[in-house]
Protein backbone atom coordinates (compact mmCIF):
# COMPACT_ATOMS: atom_id res chain seq x y z
CA UNK A 1 -6.33 15.95 2.46
CA UNK A 2 -3.46 14.19 4.19
CA UNK A 3 -1.10 16.29 6.19
CA UNK A 4 2.58 15.79 7.14
CA UNK A 5 2.73 13.50 10.09
CA UNK A 6 -0.50 11.58 9.24
CA UNK A 7 -0.41 7.83 8.59
CA UNK A 8 -1.56 8.29 4.95
CA UNK A 9 1.19 10.96 4.33
CA UNK A 10 3.87 8.69 5.94
CA UNK A 11 2.65 5.63 3.93
CA UNK A 12 2.87 7.66 0.63
CA UNK A 13 6.36 9.05 1.71
CA UNK A 14 7.59 5.54 2.42
CA UNK A 15 6.49 4.27 -1.01
CA UNK A 16 8.08 7.15 -2.83
CA UNK A 17 11.30 6.67 -0.82
CA UNK A 18 11.41 2.97 -1.67
CA UNK A 19 10.86 3.55 -5.31
CA UNK A 20 13.75 6.13 -5.29
CA UNK A 21 16.08 3.71 -3.48
CA UNK A 22 15.19 0.91 -6.01
CA UNK A 23 16.17 3.32 -8.82
CA UNK A 24 19.64 3.71 -7.32
CA UNK A 25 19.40 6.84 -5.16
CA UNK A 26 21.05 6.68 -1.75
CA UNK A 27 19.02 6.71 1.41
CA UNK A 28 19.44 10.33 2.40
CA UNK A 29 18.61 11.70 -1.04
CA UNK A 30 15.72 9.32 -1.42
CA UNK A 31 14.18 10.59 1.86
CA UNK A 32 14.63 14.32 0.77
CA UNK A 33 13.24 13.63 -2.63
CA UNK A 34 10.12 11.92 -1.25
CA UNK A 35 9.42 14.76 1.14
CA UNK A 36 9.99 17.38 -1.55
CA UNK A 37 7.71 15.58 -3.98
CA UNK A 38 4.85 15.33 -1.39
CA UNK A 39 5.22 18.89 -0.40
CA UNK A 40 5.06 20.10 -3.99
CA UNK A 41 1.94 18.12 -4.73
CA UNK A 42 -1.27 20.17 -4.36
CA UNK A 43 -3.30 17.60 -2.20
CA UNK A 44 -0.52 16.87 0.23
CA UNK A 45 0.27 20.27 1.63
CA UNK A 46 -0.54 21.37 5.06
CA UNK A 47 -3.71 23.42 5.31
CA UNK A 48 -2.75 25.12 8.60
CA UNK A 49 -4.50 25.07 11.89
CA UNK A 50 -8.06 23.75 11.93
CA UNK A 51 -9.30 25.21 15.18
CA UNK A 52 -9.17 28.59 16.89
CA UNK A 53 -6.93 27.18 19.53
CA UNK A 54 -4.50 26.07 16.83
CA UNK A 55 -4.28 29.53 15.42
CA UNK A 56 -2.69 30.88 18.68
CA UNK A 57 -3.47 33.28 21.35
CA UNK A 58 -6.53 35.48 20.60
CA UNK A 59 -4.61 38.71 20.60
CA UNK A 60 -2.07 37.34 18.06
CA UNK A 61 -4.70 35.86 15.52
CA UNK A 62 -4.75 37.39 12.12
CA UNK A 63 -7.95 38.09 10.23
CA UNK A 64 -11.45 38.54 11.60
């Protein structure tokens, strides 16, 4: 599952942005539309921290 900032995510965003620009949308709106589209798609959302260290200090972690 690609996450924001990964190469696969950025490649997909660039393609969506290029398609939007070719359909007549200005640069700023094309960038926002591409980001919004990817964030709304199920497989392209961030899954959160993968390691215990990424979850923050031990005393501030939620759950078990």
